[in-house]
Amino acid sequence: MELLVAQAKADAGEVAGQLNLFQDDFFDGVIMVSDLPGHEALCEHLDRMGKAHVTLCGGLTGPKPAVLADDWIGMRMLLDHLIALKHHRIDYVYRVSRLALSDRRSIFRQMVSESAGEIKGDVLSFERADIDREVFRRILTAPSTRPTALICGSDGLAIEVVALLRELGLKIPDDISVVGYDNVPDTAYWSPPLTTVAQPTDSLCEASLDLLLELTNLSADARTSMRPMRLIPPELVIRASSDFPSLQHIPPA
């Protein structure tokens, strides 16, 4: 059996090149590692080819065979951690172009809605630095909107947010706590080390391979009708970027 591991590209032209590569019938199944826009086109193309495929760790816009970390559990752990630290004004920061971050945004909104007022929180899009810097400046200097903690939809986004907060003269976690998601390897060495949610990488890879092998033994019609999804619990990694909220006034930018 020949398996292919692929990551979709964000650019439409690059996706077209990948589709041309997939014209050759040299593989039995594909594990897709992506949450970028080109992912949809690749999945649809593989369906037309009658090839088994499994999405690993990606945001999904519809039912597809997938093995994912359970973001509901991950977001619940982050919120419970911050609530235990006496944070009740918590905002979520995401990037529209990343599907997984938008999925986590929806989970965050639902959890805030179901908190019966225990949590007050908004979602903040972080796309264009020139606009977002001014939005952050207004939010973080206005007592009525200022959060005491930020949940970033990914660790990569968290490092950008931390840099902006420092430009505004804020100390982490003295003035504001910041937590991320994914536990990329260098987050343990940031200053301060980042509290985050760890993707269970080994379990995800094993489960995705097991699922793909199961799907390759089914007909194309059976695979299309099944669309199985398996969720793997993530783990909370607590580090120094989150702490009890400070009573000190956040300095103006």
Protein backbone atom coordinates (compact mmCIF):
# COMPACT_ATOMS: atom_id res chain seq x y z
CA MET A 1 0.00 0.00 0.00
CA GLU A 2 1.23 3.49 -0.92
CA LEU A 3 0.22 6.38 1.34
CA LEU A 4 0.70 10.10 0.77
CA VAL A 5 0.96 12.84 3.41
CA ALA A 6 0.02 16.28 2.05
CA GLN A 7 -0.54 19.84 3.24
CA ALA A 8 -2.79 22.14 1.24
CA LYS A 9 -1.43 25.51 0.15
CA ALA A 10 -3.09 28.84 0.86
CA ASP A 11 -2.53 30.18 -2.66
CA ALA A 12 -4.98 29.07 -5.37
CA GLY A 13 -2.20 28.63 -7.93
CA GLU A 14 -0.24 26.35 -5.64
CA VAL A 15 -3.36 24.29 -4.98
CA ALA A 16 -3.81 23.84 -8.73
CA GLY A 17 -0.27 22.46 -8.90
CA GLN A 18 -1.04 19.99 -6.14
CA LEU A 19 -4.15 18.82 -7.98
CA ASN A 20 -2.04 18.11 -11.06
CA LEU A 21 0.30 16.02 -8.92
CA PHE A 22 -2.67 14.00 -7.71
CA GLN A 23 -3.62 13.04 -11.26
CA ASP A 24 -1.13 10.17 -11.13
CA ASP A 25 -2.52 6.98 -9.67
CA PHE A 26 0.51 6.14 -7.53
CA PHE A 27 -1.05 6.11 -4.07
CA ASP A 28 -3.88 4.39 -2.20
CA GLY A 29 -4.72 7.04 0.38
CA VAL A 30 -3.82 10.49 1.67
CA ILE A 31 -3.44 11.98 5.14
CA MET A 32 -4.17 15.72 4.86
CA VAL A 33 -2.39 17.99 7.36
CA SER A 34 -3.96 21.40 6.93
CA ASP A 35 -6.59 23.97 7.85
CA LEU A 36 -5.90 26.36 4.96
CA PRO A 37 -8.42 27.30 2.23
CA GLY A 38 -6.90 24.98 -0.38
CA HIS A 39 -7.81 22.00 1.78
CA GLU A 40 -11.39 21.89 0.47
CA ALA A 41 -10.32 21.67 -3.17
CA LEU A 42 -7.92 18.82 -2.45
CA CYS A 43 -10.55 16.82 -0.54
CA GLU A 44 -13.10 17.26 -3.33
CA HIS A 45 -10.54 16.22 -5.93
CA LEU A 46 -9.63 13.08 -3.97
CA ASP A 47 -13.33 12.20 -3.66
CA ARG A 48 -13.70 12.42 -7.45
CA MET A 49 -10.66 10.17 -7.83
CA GLY A 50 -12.20 7.67 -5.42
CA LYS A 51 -9.21 7.91 -3.09
CA ALA A 52 -9.40 7.45 0.67
CA HIS A 53 -8.31 10.49 2.66
CA VAL A 54 -8.20 11.58 6.29
CA THR A 55 -7.87 15.13 7.59
CA LEU A 56 -5.44 15.44 10.49
CA CYS A 57 -5.57 18.46 12.81
CA GLY A 58 -7.42 20.74 10.42
CA GLY A 59 -10.40 23.05 10.55
CA LEU A 60 -13.34 21.58 8.66
CA THR A 61 -16.18 23.32 6.82
CA GLY A 62 -18.17 20.14 6.31
CA PRO A 63 -18.25 16.42 7.14
CA LYS A 64 -15.01 14.68 6.15
CA PRO A 65 -13.06 11.68 7.42
CA ALA A 66 -10.94 13.25 10.14
CA VAL A 67 -8.91 12.72 13.28
CA LEU A 68 -8.81 15.86 15.39
CA ALA A 69 -7.81 17.01 18.82
CA ASP A 70 -10.99 17.75 20.76
CA ASP A 71 -11.03 21.56 20.74
CA TRP A 72 -14.08 21.62 23.00
CA ILE A 73 -12.06 19.94 25.75
CA GLY A 74 -9.05 22.17 25.00
CA MET A 75 -11.01 25.42 25.22
CA ARG A 76 -12.80 24.18 28.34
CA MET A 77 -9.46 23.50 30.04
CA LEU A 78 -8.12 26.95 29.15
CA LEU A 79 -11.24 28.72 30.42
CA ASP A 80 -11.37 26.65 33.62
CA HIS A 81 -7.70 27.42 34.24
CA LEU A 82 -8.24 31.17 33.82
CA ILE A 83 -11.43 31.15 35.90
CA ALA A 84 -9.55 29.35 38.69
CA LEU A 85 -7.08 32.26 38.57
CA LYS A 86 -10.03 34.67 39.10
CA HIS A 87 -10.19 35.91 35.51
CA HIS A 88 -13.71 36.75 34.39
CA ARG A 89 -13.02 39.22 31.56
CA ILE A 90 -11.45 37.00 28.90
CA ASP A 91 -11.19 37.71 25.16
CA TYR A 92 -10.39 35.30 22.32
CA VAL A 93 -7.99 36.34 19.53
CA TYR A 94 -8.14 34.57 16.17
CA ARG A 95 -7.26 34.87 12.48
CA VAL A 96 -10.08 34.54 9.96
CA SER A 97 -7.90 32.80 7.35
CA ARG A 98 -7.24 29.86 9.68
CA LEU A 99 -10.25 27.55 9.83
CA ALA A 100 -9.25 25.83 13.06
CA LEU A 101 -8.96 29.19 14.82
CA SER A 102 -12.46 30.11 13.67
CA ASP A 103 -13.76 26.77 14.98
CA ARG A 104 -12.24 27.54 18.38
CA ARG A 105 -13.81 31.00 18.23
CA SER A 106 -17.26 29.41 17.89
CA ILE A 107 -16.57 27.13 20.86
CA PHE A 108 -15.39 30.10 22.93
CA ARG A 109 -18.52 32.09 22.11
CA GLN A 110 -20.77 29.21 23.10
CA MET A 111 -18.94 28.68 26.39
CA VAL A 112 -19.17 32.37 27.25
CA SER A 113 -22.88 32.32 26.42
CA GLU A 114 -23.42 29.28 28.64
CA SER A 115 -21.41 30.69 31.57
CA ALA A 116 -24.45 32.54 32.98
CA GLY A 117 -22.46 35.74 33.27
CA GLU A 118 -19.43 34.18 34.97
CA ILE A 119 -17.32 35.09 31.94
CA LYS A 120 -17.48 38.31 29.95
CA GLY A 121 -15.63 37.97 26.69
CA ASP A 122 -15.36 39.16 23.10
CA VAL A 123 -13.61 37.82 20.01
CA LEU A 124 -10.90 39.90 18.35
CA SER A 125 -9.77 39.36 14.76
CA PHE A 126 -6.02 39.79 14.24
CA GLU A 127 -5.47 40.16 10.49
CA ARG A 128 -3.92 43.54 9.67
CA ALA A 129 -1.38 44.89 12.11
CA ASP A 130 -2.06 48.58 11.40
CA ILE A 131 -5.78 48.23 12.12
CA ASP A 132 -5.48 45.63 14.87
CA ARG A 133 -2.92 47.65 16.81
CA GLU A 134 -5.39 50.51 17.15
CA VAL A 135 -8.23 48.14 18.07
CA PHE A 136 -6.10 46.53 20.75
CA ARG A 137 -5.01 49.93 22.01
CA ARG A 138 -8.61 51.04 22.48
CA ILE A 139 -9.71 47.79 24.12
CA LEU A 140 -6.75 47.52 26.47
CA THR A 141 -6.88 51.12 27.67
CA ALA A 142 -10.65 51.35 28.24
CA PRO A 143 -11.74 50.10 31.69
CA SER A 144 -15.14 49.05 30.34
CA THR A 145 -13.70 46.69 27.70
CA ARG A 146 -10.27 45.76 29.04
CA PRO A 147 -9.75 41.99 29.48
CA THR A 148 -7.50 40.54 32.16
CA ALA A 149 -6.66 37.54 29.96
CA LEU A 150 -6.40 36.70 26.26
CA ILE A 151 -6.86 33.26 24.71
CA CYS A 152 -5.02 33.12 21.38
CA GLY A 153 -6.27 30.61 18.81
CA SER A 154 -2.73 29.35 18.16
CA ASP A 155 0.74 29.69 19.63
CA GLY A 156 1.95 31.42 16.46
CA LEU A 157 -0.71 34.06 16.91
CA ALA A 158 0.14 34.34 20.61
CA ILE A 159 3.70 35.46 19.89
CA GLU A 160 2.39 38.27 17.66
CA VAL A 161 -0.09 39.33 20.33
CA VAL A 162 2.60 39.29 23.01
CA ALA A 163 4.80 41.55 20.86
CA LEU A 164 1.93 44.01 20.41
CA LEU A 165 1.09 44.01 24.12
CA ARG A 166 4.69 44.86 24.90
CA GLU A 167 4.54 47.75 22.44
CA LEU A 168 1.60 49.01 24.50
CA GLY A 169 3.72 48.85 27.64
CA LEU A 170 1.98 45.81 29.16
CA LYS A 171 3.77 43.13 31.17
CA ILE A 172 2.80 39.47 30.89
CA PRO A 173 1.35 38.12 33.12
CA ASP A 174 1.57 41.07 35.55
CA ASP A 175 -0.82 43.28 33.56
CA ILE A 176 -2.54 40.68 31.38
CA SER A 177 -2.39 36.90 31.02
CA VAL A 178 -1.91 35.33 27.59
CA VAL A 179 -2.50 31.68 26.70
CA GLY A 180 -2.08 29.90 23.38
CA TYR A 181 -3.05 26.70 21.65
CA ASP A 182 -1.02 23.84 20.05
CA ASN A 183 2.11 23.74 22.28
CA VAL A 184 4.63 24.28 19.50
CA PRO A 185 8.10 23.21 20.70
CA ASP A 186 9.64 26.61 21.46
CA THR A 187 6.75 27.92 23.60
CA ALA A 188 8.42 26.47 26.70
CA TYR A 189 11.37 28.84 26.11
CA TRP A 190 9.48 32.07 25.45
CA SER A 191 9.70 34.94 27.90
CA PRO A 192 7.52 34.21 29.72
CA PRO A 193 6.93 30.54 28.83
CA LEU A 194 3.47 30.18 27.30
CA THR A 195 0.51 28.43 28.89
CA THR A 196 -1.07 26.45 26.06
CA VAL A 197 -2.97 23.34 24.99
CA ALA A 198 -0.83 20.47 23.73
CA GLN A 199 -1.94 18.57 20.66
CA PRO A 200 -1.60 14.81 21.37
CA THR A 201 0.60 14.34 18.31
CA ASP A 202 1.45 10.65 18.66
CA SER A 203 -2.15 9.65 19.33
CA LEU A 204 -3.42 11.79 16.45
CA CYS A 205 -0.97 10.27 13.98
CA GLU A 206 -1.69 6.71 15.08
CA ALA A 207 -5.46 7.23 14.92
CA SER A 208 -5.30 8.91 11.49
CA LEU A 209 -3.27 6.05 10.04
CA ASP A 210 -5.63 3.46 11.54
CA LEU A 211 -8.65 5.29 10.10
CA LEU A 212 -7.07 5.64 6.66
CA LEU A 213 -6.28 1.92 6.55
CA GLU A 214 -9.90 1.18 7.43
CA LEU A 215 -11.18 3.48 4.69
CA THR A 216 -8.95 2.00 1.98
CA ASN A 217 -10.71 -1.33 2.54
CA LEU A 218 -14.12 0.20 1.75
CA SER A 219 -15.68 1.15 -1.57
CA ALA A 220 -15.70 4.81 -2.62
CA ASP A 221 -19.48 4.99 -2.08
CA ALA A 222 -19.17 3.52 1.41
CA ARG A 223 -16.44 6.02 2.31
CA THR A 224 -18.56 8.94 1.09
CA SER A 225 -21.54 7.87 3.18
CA MET A 226 -19.54 7.23 6.37
CA ARG A 227 -17.44 10.39 6.88
CA PRO A 228 -16.12 9.18 10.26
CA MET A 229 -14.57 11.64 12.72
CA ARG A 230 -12.46 10.69 15.73
CA LEU A 231 -11.62 13.11 18.53
CA ILE A 232 -8.53 12.80 20.73
CA PRO A 233 -8.36 14.67 24.08
CA PRO A 234 -5.61 17.34 24.27
CA GLU A 235 -3.65 18.30 27.39
CA LEU A 236 -3.33 21.60 29.26
CA VAL A 237 0.24 22.84 29.75
CA ILE A 238 0.44 25.52 32.46
CA ARG A 239 3.39 27.90 32.31
CA ALA A 240 4.27 31.40 33.47
CA SER A 241 2.25 33.48 30.96
CA SER A 242 -0.93 33.06 33.01
CA ASP A 243 -1.42 34.19 36.60
CA PHE A 244 -3.91 35.92 38.87
CA PRO A 245 -5.04 39.29 37.45
CA SER A 246 -3.20 42.33 38.71
CA LEU A 247 -5.05 45.11 40.51
CA GLN A 248 -2.68 47.67 39.04
CA HIS A 249 -3.90 50.05 36.37
CA ILE A 250 -2.89 49.05 32.87
CA PRO A 251 -0.75 51.92 31.55
CA PRO A 252 -2.00 53.81 28.49
CA ALA A 253 -0.20 53.20 25.20
